[in-house]
Protein backbone atom coordinates (compact mmCIF):
# COMPACT_ATOMS: atom_id res chain seq x y z
CA MET A 1 6.96 -5.39 -2.38
CA GLU A 2 4.22 -3.22 -0.89
CA THR A 3 2.30 -3.23 -4.18
CA PHE A 4 2.53 -7.03 -4.41
CA GLY A 5 1.17 -7.45 -0.88
CA ARG A 6 -1.67 -5.02 -1.46
CA GLY A 7 -2.53 -6.66 -4.80
CA CYS A 8 -2.65 -10.09 -3.16
CA LEU A 9 -4.86 -8.67 -0.40
CA TYR A 10 -7.29 -7.29 -3.00
CA LEU A 11 -7.40 -10.67 -4.75
CA VAL A 12 -8.02 -12.55 -1.50
CA ILE A 13 -10.80 -10.14 -0.50
CA GLY A 14 -12.36 -10.47 -3.97
CA PHE A 15 -12.32 -14.27 -3.82
CA ILE A 16 -13.84 -14.23 -0.33
CA VAL A 17 -16.65 -11.95 -1.56
CA VAL A 18 -17.35 -14.26 -4.52
CA PHE A 19 -17.22 -17.33 -2.26
CA VAL A 20 -19.66 -15.81 0.25
CA PHE A 21 -22.00 -14.80 -2.57
CA ALA A 22 -21.91 -18.35 -3.96
CA TRP A 23 -22.48 -19.77 -0.49
CA ILE A 24 -25.46 -17.49 0.22
CA THR A 25 -27.10 -18.27 -3.13
CA ARG A 26 -26.08 -21.95 -2.91
CA SER A 27 -24.84 -21.86 -6.47
CA THR A 28 -21.68 -22.53 -8.44
CA ILE A 29 -19.86 -19.61 -9.95
CA ASN A 30 -17.64 -20.32 -12.96
CA ILE A 31 -15.35 -17.47 -13.96
CA PRO A 32 -13.73 -17.97 -17.38
CA TRP A 33 -10.00 -17.33 -17.78
CA PHE A 34 -10.53 -14.42 -20.18
CA ILE A 35 -12.37 -12.58 -17.39
CA LEU A 36 -10.23 -13.72 -14.45
CA ILE A 37 -6.86 -12.71 -15.89
CA PRO A 38 -7.85 -9.06 -16.57
CA LEU A 39 -9.34 -8.88 -13.04
CA VAL A 40 -6.02 -10.02 -11.57
CA ILE A 41 -4.15 -7.45 -13.65
CA LEU A 42 -6.65 -4.78 -12.60
CA ALA A 43 -6.16 -5.62 -8.90
CA PHE A 44 -2.38 -5.20 -9.15
CA TRP A 45 -2.72 -2.04 -11.25
CA ILE A 46 -5.00 -0.48 -8.60
CA ALA A 47 -2.56 -1.59 -5.88
CA GLY A 48 0.29 0.05 -7.79
CA LYS A 49 -1.65 3.29 -8.16
CA LYS A 50 -2.37 3.42 -4.42
CA GLY A 51 1.30 2.82 -3.60
CA LYS A 52 2.43 5.98 -5.41
């Protein structure tokens, strides 16, 4: 459960960073699925490594 919570935290922080970047540049950021899904997997993999 700790890994899941940490992974979700990493995802939320990542989305906030992307949102702030888009807001500052006043642009639209489109992230394709084939890039987003590996980033989600990477966030949970890093969270799992930190939990051990």
